[in-house]
């Protein structure tokens, strides 16, 4: 499935990110790791978290990006890869063992 992406500088975006294994409770079981990765990415690539809801197998987030910036995809890539690598603890990360789906639903608010 291909999603349409809207690039609005300093926009507010809504996202849904799913676990690859939808019957898992990994997100709530490892919430500390998820929080750490979000903080790390936010330190180097700032964004405002307006709202976030973490459920066992997916999360919803509303972000506002800084002026002149519409690169939310890099932020999600860093969060998802860092989270997966920390949980997998040294295993080589690839598409077959990624913990979060490669695609995510998102759009301009």
Protein backbone atom coordinates (compact mmCIF):
# COMPACT_ATOMS: atom_id res chain seq x y z
CA UNK A 1 0.00 0.00 0.00
CA UNK A 2 1.30 3.47 -0.83
CA UNK A 3 0.42 6.37 1.41
CA UNK A 4 0.12 9.94 0.26
CA UNK A 5 2.46 12.22 2.16
CA UNK A 6 1.91 15.91 2.71
CA UNK A 7 5.02 18.00 3.35
CA UNK A 8 4.11 21.15 5.21
CA UNK A 9 6.92 23.06 6.88
CA UNK A 10 6.26 23.46 10.58
CA UNK A 11 3.15 21.34 10.14
CA UNK A 12 1.28 19.26 12.67
CA UNK A 13 1.01 15.59 11.73
CA UNK A 14 -0.96 12.59 12.98
CA UNK A 15 0.68 9.14 12.79
CA UNK A 16 -0.26 5.54 13.43
CA UNK A 17 2.68 3.14 13.75
CA UNK A 18 2.03 -0.62 13.99
CA UNK A 19 4.05 -3.53 15.29
CA UNK A 20 4.91 -6.03 12.59
CA UNK A 21 3.42 -8.74 14.84
CA UNK A 22 -0.03 -7.32 15.56
CA UNK A 23 -0.85 -9.79 18.36
CA UNK A 24 2.19 -8.74 20.40
CA UNK A 25 2.17 -6.48 23.47
CA UNK A 26 5.76 -5.40 22.85
CA UNK A 27 5.13 -1.64 22.83
CA UNK A 28 3.71 -1.55 26.36
CA UNK A 29 6.09 -4.27 27.58
CA UNK A 30 9.11 -2.21 26.49
CA UNK A 31 7.72 1.32 26.91
CA UNK A 32 10.91 2.55 28.61
CA UNK A 33 12.99 1.65 25.55
CA UNK A 34 10.48 3.34 23.25
CA UNK A 35 10.57 6.51 25.38
CA UNK A 36 14.38 6.52 25.37
CA UNK A 37 14.52 6.27 21.58
CA UNK A 38 11.98 9.05 21.13
CA UNK A 39 13.97 11.29 23.51
CA UNK A 40 17.25 10.52 21.72
CA UNK A 41 15.83 11.32 18.29
CA UNK A 42 14.09 14.44 19.60
CA UNK A 43 17.40 15.73 21.01
CA UNK A 44 19.11 15.69 17.59
CA UNK A 45 16.04 16.18 15.38
CA UNK A 46 13.64 18.32 17.45
CA UNK A 47 9.88 18.05 17.24
CA UNK A 48 7.03 18.75 19.61
CA UNK A 49 4.92 15.85 20.80
CA UNK A 50 1.41 17.26 21.04
CA UNK A 51 -0.16 13.93 21.94
CA UNK A 52 0.81 10.26 22.01
CA UNK A 53 -1.06 7.09 22.86
CA UNK A 54 0.81 3.80 23.12
CA UNK A 55 -1.28 0.65 22.88
CA UNK A 56 0.00 -2.94 23.02
CA UNK A 57 0.43 -3.38 19.24
CA UNK A 58 0.41 0.16 17.81
CA UNK A 59 0.76 3.79 18.72
CA UNK A 60 -0.78 7.08 17.69
CA UNK A 61 1.16 10.34 17.76
CA UNK A 62 0.57 13.98 16.95
CA UNK A 63 3.74 15.95 16.25
CA UNK A 64 4.49 19.54 15.31
CA UNK A 65 7.75 20.09 13.45
CA UNK A 66 9.89 23.23 13.74
CA UNK A 67 9.78 26.06 11.19
CA UNK A 68 11.37 25.14 7.86
CA UNK A 69 11.27 21.40 8.59
CA UNK A 70 8.94 18.75 7.19
CA UNK A 71 11.18 15.67 7.58
CA UNK A 72 9.10 13.48 9.86
CA UNK A 73 10.09 10.33 7.93
CA UNK A 74 13.74 10.52 9.07
CA UNK A 75 12.60 10.89 12.67
CA UNK A 76 10.37 7.81 12.45
CA UNK A 77 13.10 5.83 10.69
CA UNK A 78 15.54 6.62 13.52
CA UNK A 79 13.02 5.83 16.25
CA UNK A 80 11.92 2.55 14.66
CA UNK A 81 15.44 1.34 13.83
CA UNK A 82 16.84 2.30 17.24
CA UNK A 83 13.94 0.69 19.07
CA UNK A 84 14.21 -2.53 17.06
CA UNK A 85 18.00 -2.76 17.48
CA UNK A 86 17.77 -2.27 21.26
CA UNK A 87 15.09 -4.93 21.61
CA UNK A 88 16.88 -7.37 19.29
CA UNK A 89 20.17 -6.74 21.19
CA UNK A 90 22.81 -7.04 18.55
CA UNK A 91 20.99 -9.11 15.96
CA UNK A 92 21.41 -7.79 12.43
CA UNK A 93 18.33 -5.70 11.70
CA UNK A 94 16.60 -6.42 8.40
CA UNK A 95 13.10 -6.33 6.94
CA UNK A 96 12.30 -9.84 8.12
CA UNK A 97 12.97 -9.17 11.81
CA UNK A 98 11.97 -5.50 12.09
CA UNK A 99 9.65 -5.04 15.03
CA UNK A 100 7.70 -2.09 13.61
CA UNK A 101 6.09 -2.04 10.20
CA UNK A 102 8.11 -0.28 7.51
CA UNK A 103 5.19 1.93 6.53
CA UNK A 104 3.16 4.10 8.82
CA UNK A 105 0.00 6.07 8.33
CA UNK A 106 0.43 9.78 8.65
CA UNK A 107 -0.96 12.97 7.36
CA UNK A 108 -1.21 16.66 7.81
CA UNK A 109 -3.51 17.94 10.51
